[in-house]
């Protein structure tokens, strides 16, 4: 029910903006994600935990003025991180890969700097909301030479997005269903082709343990490289 309301508000807002638009277009886009999870109050990440994933979806491009546009989107995107200690050849080895999948709704306001009549450089920022819909967590390793492995679906808690201080399950195998945060974006739009860079800065903590302050610094960080084609 909450997810439907969020989608409804997103669509309603997009329609309202479109009514003031001078020109609009739609782009099919996709690309690679370099995902991670922060570990402290400063939002820092460990580059060794970087996880490669993907995104695909549709982006709108609604011109408000000659240099200002709104770019709403609907994306299917992967986030997460990995954690590894040792190497597969060691007597003791551990690797955990967490790859949650989301349906994400970003809305970015961008400034466009024309390069010629049919191309421009753009940059901007805006918020996003996302809902977890799937994904897997894989654990493998060895203890004193004895190998073990476990591959399971990520469990999403059906939390209300407004209850951000309440507790959820411990560990990245159980996550809050709803994520939200801020985007920074930049790229080049040519006549029928675009290439872009986006950084998603998550503001929602992913889970908490027995104490609501535990793990509250774990938030999504996603760097994305996209290519797109005008529909």
C-alpha atoms as a PDB file:
ATOM      1  CA  UNK A   1       0.000   0.000   0.000  1.00  0.00           C
ATOM      2  CA  UNK A   2       2.782   2.439   0.929  1.00  0.00           C
ATOM      3  CA  UNK A   3       4.725   1.580  -2.207  1.00  0.00           C
ATOM      4  CA  UNK A   4       1.645   2.242  -4.360  1.00  0.00           C
ATOM      5  CA  UNK A   5       1.177   5.643  -2.720  1.00  0.00           C
ATOM      6  CA  UNK A   6       4.792   6.568  -3.348  1.00  0.00           C
ATOM      7  CA  UNK A   7       4.506   5.607  -7.013  1.00  0.00           C
ATOM      8  CA  UNK A   8       1.221   7.541  -7.273  1.00  0.00           C
ATOM      9  CA  UNK A   9       2.787  10.698  -5.809  1.00  0.00           C
ATOM     10  CA  UNK A  10       5.770  10.327  -8.122  1.00  0.00           C
ATOM     11  CA  UNK A  11       3.573  10.015 -11.211  1.00  0.00           C
ATOM     12  CA  UNK A  12       1.341  12.898 -10.099  1.00  0.00           C
ATOM     13  CA  UNK A  13       4.332  15.141  -9.534  1.00  0.00           C
ATOM     14  CA  UNK A  14       5.799  14.223 -12.922  1.00  0.00           C
ATOM     15  CA  UNK A  15       2.522  15.052 -14.657  1.00  0.00           C
ATOM     16  CA  UNK A  16       2.388  18.415 -12.857  1.00  0.00           C
ATOM     17  CA  UNK A  17       5.924  19.290 -13.961  1.00  0.00           C
ATOM     18  CA  UNK A  18       5.189  18.157 -17.512  1.00  0.00           C
ATOM     19  CA  UNK A  19       2.338  20.649 -17.746  1.00  0.00           C
ATOM     20  CA  UNK A  20       4.914  23.474 -17.505  1.00  0.00           C
ATOM     21  CA  UNK A  21       7.381  21.825 -19.874  1.00  0.00           C
ATOM     22  CA  UNK A  22       8.558  23.362 -23.131  1.00  0.00           C
ATOM     23  CA  UNK A  23       9.720  20.007 -24.519  1.00  0.00           C
ATOM     24  CA  UNK A  24       9.982  16.432 -23.256  1.00  0.00           C
ATOM     25  CA  UNK A  25      11.656  13.188 -24.289  1.00  0.00           C
ATOM     26  CA  UNK A  26      12.197   9.656 -22.985  1.00  0.00           C
ATOM     27  CA  UNK A  27      15.411   7.661 -22.878  1.00  0.00           C
ATOM     28  CA  UNK A  28      16.068   3.943 -22.482  1.00  0.00           C
ATOM     29  CA  UNK A  29      19.176   3.630 -20.322  1.00  0.00           C
ATOM     30  CA  UNK A  30      21.278   1.011 -18.610  1.00  0.00           C
ATOM     31  CA  UNK A  31      24.763   0.356 -17.374  1.00  0.00           C
ATOM     32  CA  UNK A  32      27.053  -0.807 -14.619  1.00  0.00           C
ATOM     33  CA  UNK A  33      26.883  -0.075 -10.877  1.00  0.00           C
ATOM     34  CA  UNK A  34      29.799  -0.016  -8.463  1.00  0.00           C
ATOM     35  CA  UNK A  35      27.997  -0.513  -5.163  1.00  0.00           C
ATOM     36  CA  UNK A  36      29.148  -0.340  -1.572  1.00  0.00           C
ATOM     37  CA  UNK A  37      27.821   0.167   1.960  1.00  0.00           C
ATOM     38  CA  UNK A  38      29.110   2.842   4.357  1.00  0.00           C
ATOM     39  CA  UNK A  39      30.489   1.792   7.733  1.00  0.00           C
ATOM     40  CA  UNK A  40      30.745   4.946   9.867  1.00  0.00           C
ATOM     41  CA  UNK A  41      28.977   8.216  10.680  1.00  0.00           C
ATOM     42  CA  UNK A  42      31.033  10.063   8.059  1.00  0.00           C
ATOM     43  CA  UNK A  43      29.647   7.844   5.298  1.00  0.00           C
ATOM     44  CA  UNK A  44      33.010   6.334   4.481  1.00  0.00           C
ATOM     45  CA  UNK A  45      33.330   3.054   2.564  1.00  0.00           C
ATOM     46  CA  UNK A  46      35.993   0.396   2.229  1.00  0.00           C
ATOM     47  CA  UNK A  47      36.959   0.184  -1.458  1.00  0.00           C
ATOM     48  CA  UNK A  48      37.872  -3.458  -0.978  1.00  0.00           C
ATOM     49  CA  UNK A  49      34.144  -4.174  -0.454  1.00  0.00           C
ATOM     50  CA  UNK A  50      33.083  -2.793  -3.848  1.00  0.00           C
ATOM     51  CA  UNK A  51      30.457  -4.894  -5.631  1.00  0.00           C
ATOM     52  CA  UNK A  52      29.768  -4.733  -9.382  1.00  0.00           C
ATOM     53  CA  UNK A  53      26.083  -4.788 -10.340  1.00  0.00           C
ATOM     54  CA  UNK A  54      23.804  -3.240 -12.997  1.00  0.00           C
ATOM     55  CA  UNK A  55      20.855  -0.951 -13.690  1.00  0.00           C
ATOM     56  CA  UNK A  56      18.318  -0.648 -16.505  1.00  0.00           C
ATOM     57  CA  UNK A  57      15.230   1.495 -17.004  1.00  0.00           C
ATOM     58  CA  UNK A  58      13.643   4.604 -18.483  1.00  0.00           C
ATOM     59  CA  UNK A  59      14.527   8.246 -17.891  1.00  0.00           C
ATOM     60  CA  UNK A  60      12.345  11.222 -18.770  1.00  0.00           C
ATOM     61  CA  UNK A  61      13.801  14.540 -19.879  1.00  0.00           C
ATOM     62  CA  UNK A  62      11.409  17.447 -19.309  1.00  0.00           C
ATOM     63  CA  UNK A  63      12.687  20.878 -20.374  1.00  0.00           C
ATOM     64  CA  UNK A  64      11.505  23.731 -18.142  1.00  0.00           C
ATOM     65  CA  UNK A  65      13.681  26.388 -19.786  1.00  0.00           C
ATOM     66  CA  UNK A  66      16.464  26.251 -22.366  1.00  0.00           C
ATOM     67  CA  UNK A  67      19.009  25.345 -19.701  1.00  0.00           C
ATOM     68  CA  UNK A  68      16.890  23.741 -16.940  1.00  0.00           C
ATOM     69  CA  UNK A  69      15.285  20.296 -17.099  1.00  0.00           C
ATOM     70  CA  UNK A  70      13.731  17.717 -14.787  1.00  0.00           C
ATOM     71  CA  UNK A  71      14.788  14.094 -15.302  1.00  0.00           C
ATOM     72  CA  UNK A  72      12.506  11.577 -13.542  1.00  0.00           C
ATOM     73  CA  UNK A  73      13.242   7.883 -13.924  1.00  0.00           C
ATOM     74  CA  UNK A  74      12.104   4.341 -13.254  1.00  0.00           C
ATOM     75  CA  UNK A  75      15.023   1.945 -12.757  1.00  0.00           C
ATOM     76  CA  UNK A  76      15.646  -1.673 -11.844  1.00  0.00           C
ATOM     77  CA  UNK A  77      18.963  -1.500 -10.032  1.00  0.00           C
ATOM     78  CA  UNK A  78      21.362  -3.581  -7.958  1.00  0.00           C
ATOM     79  CA  UNK A  79      23.125  -2.377  -4.814  1.00  0.00           C
ATOM     80  CA  UNK A  80      25.025  -4.021  -1.934  1.00  0.00           C
ATOM     81  CA  UNK A  81      28.628  -4.881  -1.093  1.00  0.00           C
ATOM     82  CA  UNK A  82      30.992  -7.750  -0.470  1.00  0.00           C
ATOM     83  CA  UNK A  83      33.257  -8.646   2.435  1.00  0.00           C
ATOM     84  CA  UNK A  84      36.284 -10.915   2.129  1.00  0.00           C
ATOM     85  CA  UNK A  85      38.933 -12.141   4.531  1.00  0.00           C
ATOM     86  CA  UNK A  86      41.819 -14.204   3.194  1.00  0.00           C
ATOM     87  CA  UNK A  87      41.883 -15.981  -0.175  1.00  0.00           C
ATOM     88  CA  UNK A  88      40.381 -19.268  -1.410  1.00  0.00           C
ATOM     89  CA  UNK A  89      43.744 -21.012  -1.066  1.00  0.00           C
ATOM     90  CA  UNK A  90      44.075 -20.196   2.644  1.00  0.00           C
ATOM     91  CA  UNK A  91      43.203 -22.585   5.470  1.00  0.00           C
ATOM     92  CA  UNK A  92      40.792 -19.965   6.847  1.00  0.00           C
ATOM     93  CA  UNK A  93      38.830 -17.936   4.318  1.00  0.00           C
ATOM     94  CA  UNK A  94      35.560 -15.984   4.329  1.00  0.00           C
ATOM     95  CA  UNK A  95      33.604 -14.158   1.617  1.00  0.00           C
ATOM     96  CA  UNK A  96      30.081 -12.698   1.834  1.00  0.00           C
ATOM     97  CA  UNK A  97      28.382 -11.066  -1.152  1.00  0.00           C
ATOM     98  CA  UNK A  98      25.126  -9.142  -0.632  1.00  0.00           C
ATOM     99  CA  UNK A  99      23.326  -8.010  -3.800  1.00  0.00           C
ATOM    100  CA  UNK A 100      19.834  -6.558  -3.134  1.00  0.00           C
ATOM    101  CA  UNK A 101      17.701  -5.491  -6.107  1.00  0.00           C
ATOM    102  CA  UNK A 102      15.474  -2.412  -6.074  1.00  0.00           C
ATOM    103  CA  UNK A 103      12.895  -0.594  -8.126  1.00  0.00           C
ATOM    104  CA  UNK A 104      14.076   3.000  -7.896  1.00  0.00           C
ATOM    105  CA  UNK A 105      12.403   6.333  -8.687  1.00  0.00           C
ATOM    106  CA  UNK A 106      14.939   9.186  -9.063  1.00  0.00           C
ATOM    107  CA  UNK A 107      13.984  12.792  -9.863  1.00  0.00           C
ATOM    108  CA  UNK A 108      16.923  15.027 -10.797  1.00  0.00           C
ATOM    109  CA  UNK A 109      16.979  18.718 -11.684  1.00  0.00           C
ATOM    110  CA  UNK A 110      19.730  19.362 -14.230  1.00  0.00           C
ATOM    111  CA  UNK A 111      21.427  22.308 -15.877  1.00  0.00           C
ATOM    112  CA  UNK A 112      22.201  21.878 -19.573  1.00  0.00           C
ATOM    113  CA  UNK A 113      25.123  23.620 -21.269  1.00  0.00           C
ATOM    114  CA  UNK A 114      24.702  23.443 -25.077  1.00  0.00           C
ATOM    115  CA  UNK A 115      27.600  22.065 -27.125  1.00  0.00           C
ATOM    116  CA  UNK A 116      25.773  22.526 -30.434  1.00  0.00           C
ATOM    117  CA  UNK A 117      22.146  22.521 -31.648  1.00  0.00           C
ATOM    118  CA  UNK A 118      21.570  18.834 -30.776  1.00  0.00           C
ATOM    119  CA  UNK A 119      23.942  18.063 -27.927  1.00  0.00           C
ATOM    120  CA  UNK A 120      24.718  19.311 -24.432  1.00  0.00           C
ATOM    121  CA  UNK A 121      26.618  18.673 -21.237  1.00  0.00           C
ATOM    122  CA  UNK A 122      24.357  18.338 -18.204  1.00  0.00           C
ATOM    123  CA  UNK A 123      24.846  18.182 -14.441  1.00  0.00           C
ATOM    124  CA  UNK A 124      22.488  18.235 -11.501  1.00  0.00           C
ATOM    125  CA  UNK A 125      21.099  16.536  -8.415  1.00  0.00           C
ATOM    126  CA  UNK A 126      17.915  15.346  -6.775  1.00  0.00           C
ATOM    127  CA  UNK A 127      16.283  12.778  -4.486  1.00  0.00           C
ATOM    128  CA  UNK A 128      15.418   9.136  -5.024  1.00  0.00           C
ATOM    129  CA  UNK A 129      13.171   6.580  -3.376  1.00  0.00           C
ATOM    130  CA  UNK A 130      13.530   2.829  -3.851  1.00  0.00           C
ATOM    131  CA  UNK A 131      11.786  -0.386  -2.859  1.00  0.00           C
ATOM    132  CA  UNK A 132      13.581  -3.720  -2.415  1.00  0.00           C
ATOM    133  CA  UNK A 133      12.134  -6.462  -4.630  1.00  0.00           C
ATOM    134  CA  UNK A 134      14.727  -9.244  -4.600  1.00  0.00           C
ATOM    135  CA  UNK A 135      18.369 -10.204  -4.456  1.00  0.00           C
ATOM    136  CA  UNK A 136      20.641 -12.800  -2.895  1.00  0.00           C
ATOM    137  CA  UNK A 137      23.267 -13.111  -0.214  1.00  0.00           C
ATOM    138  CA  UNK A 138      26.031 -15.647  -0.772  1.00  0.00           C
ATOM    139  CA  UNK A 139      28.465 -16.775   1.910  1.00  0.00           C
ATOM    140  CA  UNK A 140      31.404 -19.085   1.283  1.00  0.00           C
ATOM    141  CA  UNK A 141      34.635 -19.914   3.030  1.00  0.00           C
ATOM    142  CA  UNK A 142      36.807 -22.397   4.896  1.00  0.00           C
ATOM    143  CA  UNK A 143      37.529 -23.040   8.543  1.00  0.00           C
ATOM    144  CA  UNK A 144      40.700 -25.068   9.184  1.00  0.00           C
ATOM    145  CA  UNK A 145      40.471 -26.299   5.600  1.00  0.00           C
ATOM    146  CA  UNK A 146      36.814 -27.385   5.811  1.00  0.00           C
ATOM    147  CA  UNK A 147      34.775 -25.618   3.120  1.00  0.00           C
ATOM    148  CA  UNK A 148      31.244 -24.293   3.584  1.00  0.00           C
ATOM    149  CA  UNK A 149      28.813 -22.220   1.530  1.00  0.00           C
ATOM    150  CA  UNK A 150      25.324 -20.753   1.786  1.00  0.00           C
ATOM    151  CA  UNK A 151      23.220 -19.021  -0.859  1.00  0.00           C
ATOM    152  CA  UNK A 152      19.911 -17.475   0.198  1.00  0.00           C
ATOM    153  CA  UNK A 153      17.421 -14.828  -0.844  1.00  0.00           C
ATOM    154  CA  UNK A 154      17.618 -11.475   0.890  1.00  0.00           C
ATOM    155  CA  UNK A 155      14.710 -10.962   3.268  1.00  0.00           C
ATOM    156  CA  UNK A 156      13.105  -7.522   3.243  1.00  0.00           C
ATOM    157  CA  UNK A 157      11.229  -6.252   6.264  1.00  0.00           C
ATOM    158  CA  UNK A 158       7.880  -4.615   5.503  1.00  0.00           C
ATOM    159  CA  UNK A 159       8.741  -1.433   7.342  1.00  0.00           C
ATOM    160  CA  UNK A 160       7.029   1.900   7.052  1.00  0.00           C
ATOM    161  CA  UNK A 161       9.513   4.426   5.526  1.00  0.00           C
ATOM    162  CA  UNK A 162       8.685   6.884   8.326  1.00  0.00           C
ATOM    163  CA  UNK A 163       9.746   4.505  11.123  1.00  0.00           C
ATOM    164  CA  UNK A 164      13.446   5.026  10.546  1.00  0.00           C
ATOM    165  CA  UNK A 165      14.393   4.723  14.231  1.00  0.00           C
ATOM    166  CA  UNK A 166      12.808   1.343  14.914  1.00  0.00           C
ATOM    167  CA  UNK A 167      14.648  -1.950  14.796  1.00  0.00           C
ATOM    168  CA  UNK A 168      14.840  -4.492  11.986  1.00  0.00           C
ATOM    169  CA  UNK A 169      16.645  -7.782  11.611  1.00  0.00           C
ATOM    170  CA  UNK A 170      20.370  -8.013  12.242  1.00  0.00           C
ATOM    171  CA  UNK A 171      22.851  -8.436   9.410  1.00  0.00           C
ATOM    172  CA  UNK A 172      22.695  -7.598   5.699  1.00  0.00           C
ATOM    173  CA  UNK A 173      20.670 -10.748   5.026  1.00  0.00           C
ATOM    174  CA  UNK A 174      17.643  -8.853   6.409  1.00  0.00           C
ATOM    175  CA  UNK A 175      17.141  -5.310   5.129  1.00  0.00           C
ATOM    176  CA  UNK A 176      14.576  -2.565   5.278  1.00  0.00           C
ATOM    177  CA  UNK A 177      12.439  -2.730   2.157  1.00  0.00           C
ATOM    178  CA  UNK A 178      12.535   1.031   1.520  1.00  0.00           C
ATOM    179  CA  UNK A 179      15.625   3.036   0.642  1.00  0.00           C
ATOM    180  CA  UNK A 180      15.921   6.756  -0.069  1.00  0.00           C
ATOM    181  CA  UNK A 181      18.680   9.254  -0.636  1.00  0.00           C
ATOM    182  CA  UNK A 182      20.248  11.845  -2.923  1.00  0.00           C
ATOM    183  CA  UNK A 183      21.727  11.689  -6.415  1.00  0.00           C
ATOM    184  CA  UNK A 184      24.445  13.662  -8.132  1.00  0.00           C
ATOM    185  CA  UNK A 185      24.469  13.261 -11.896  1.00  0.00           C
ATOM    186  CA  UNK A 186      26.367  14.507 -14.979  1.00  0.00           C
ATOM    187  CA  UNK A 187      26.814  13.483 -18.577  1.00  0.00           C
ATOM    188  CA  UNK A 188      26.570  14.225 -22.275  1.00  0.00           C
ATOM    189  CA  UNK A 189      23.382  14.142 -24.346  1.00  0.00           C
ATOM    190  CA  UNK A 190      23.885  13.874 -28.081  1.00  0.00           C
ATOM    191  CA  UNK A 191      21.101  13.736 -30.673  1.00  0.00           C
ATOM    192  CA  UNK A 192      19.899  10.200 -29.904  1.00  0.00           C
ATOM    193  CA  UNK A 193      22.544   8.933 -27.468  1.00  0.00           C
ATOM    194  CA  UNK A 194      23.687   9.774 -23.949  1.00  0.00           C
ATOM    195  CA  UNK A 195      26.442   8.749 -21.595  1.00  0.00           C
ATOM    196  CA  UNK A 196      26.145   9.632 -17.942  1.00  0.00           C
ATOM    197  CA  UNK A 197      27.608   9.274 -14.480  1.00  0.00           C
ATOM    198  CA  UNK A 198      25.502   9.101 -11.311  1.00  0.00           C
ATOM    199  CA  UNK A 199      26.305   8.805  -7.616  1.00  0.00           C
ATOM    200  CA  UNK A 200      23.604   7.622  -5.228  1.00  0.00           C
ATOM    201  CA  UNK A 201      24.107   8.657  -1.600  1.00  0.00           C
ATOM    202  CA  UNK A 202      21.768   6.612   0.575  1.00  0.00           C
ATOM    203  CA  UNK A 203      20.250   8.238   3.666  1.00  0.00           C
ATOM    204  CA  UNK A 204      18.272   5.259   4.999  1.00  0.00           C
ATOM    205  CA  UNK A 205      20.036   2.836   7.327  1.00  0.00           C
ATOM    206  CA  UNK A 206      19.735  -0.710   6.029  1.00  0.00           C
ATOM    207  CA  UNK A 207      19.073  -2.521   9.299  1.00  0.00           C
ATOM    208  CA  UNK A 208      19.700  -2.495  13.036  1.00  0.00           C
ATOM    209  CA  UNK A 209      20.555  -5.128  15.599  1.00  0.00           C
ATOM    210  CA  UNK A 210      19.335  -5.782  19.126  1.00  0.00           C
ATOM    211  CA  UNK A 211      20.239  -2.193  19.951  1.00  0.00           C
ATOM    212  CA  UNK A 212      18.681   0.382  17.608  1.00  0.00           C
ATOM    213  CA  UNK A 213      22.023   2.205  17.391  1.00  0.00           C
ATOM    214  CA  UNK A 214      23.813  -0.888  16.048  1.00  0.00           C
ATOM    215  CA  UNK A 215      24.690  -0.884  12.348  1.00  0.00           C
ATOM    216  CA  UNK A 216      22.984   2.461  11.871  1.00  0.00           C
ATOM    217  CA  UNK A 217      25.831   3.704   9.695  1.00  0.00           C
ATOM    218  CA  UNK A 218      25.237   1.044   7.016  1.00  0.00           C
ATOM    219  CA  UNK A 219      23.831   2.964   4.041  1.00  0.00           C
ATOM    220  CA  UNK A 220      23.958   2.407   0.286  1.00  0.00           C
ATOM    221  CA  UNK A 221      26.565   4.100  -1.876  1.00  0.00           C
ATOM    222  CA  UNK A 222      26.309   3.486  -5.632  1.00  0.00           C
ATOM    223  CA  UNK A 223      28.410   4.894  -8.490  1.00  0.00           C
ATOM    224  CA  UNK A 224      26.770   4.235 -11.872  1.00  0.00           C
ATOM    225  CA  UNK A 225      27.918   4.595 -15.464  1.00  0.00           C
ATOM    226  CA  UNK A 226      25.075   4.677 -18.004  1.00  0.00           C
ATOM    227  CA  UNK A 227      24.502   4.761 -21.711  1.00  0.00           C
ATOM    228  CA  UNK A 228      21.110   5.587 -23.177  1.00  0.00           C
ATOM    229  CA  UNK A 229      19.128   5.841 -26.396  1.00  0.00           C
ATOM    230  CA  UNK A 230      16.277   8.215 -27.122  1.00  0.00           C
ATOM    231  CA  UNK A 231      12.911   6.502 -27.601  1.00  0.00           C
END
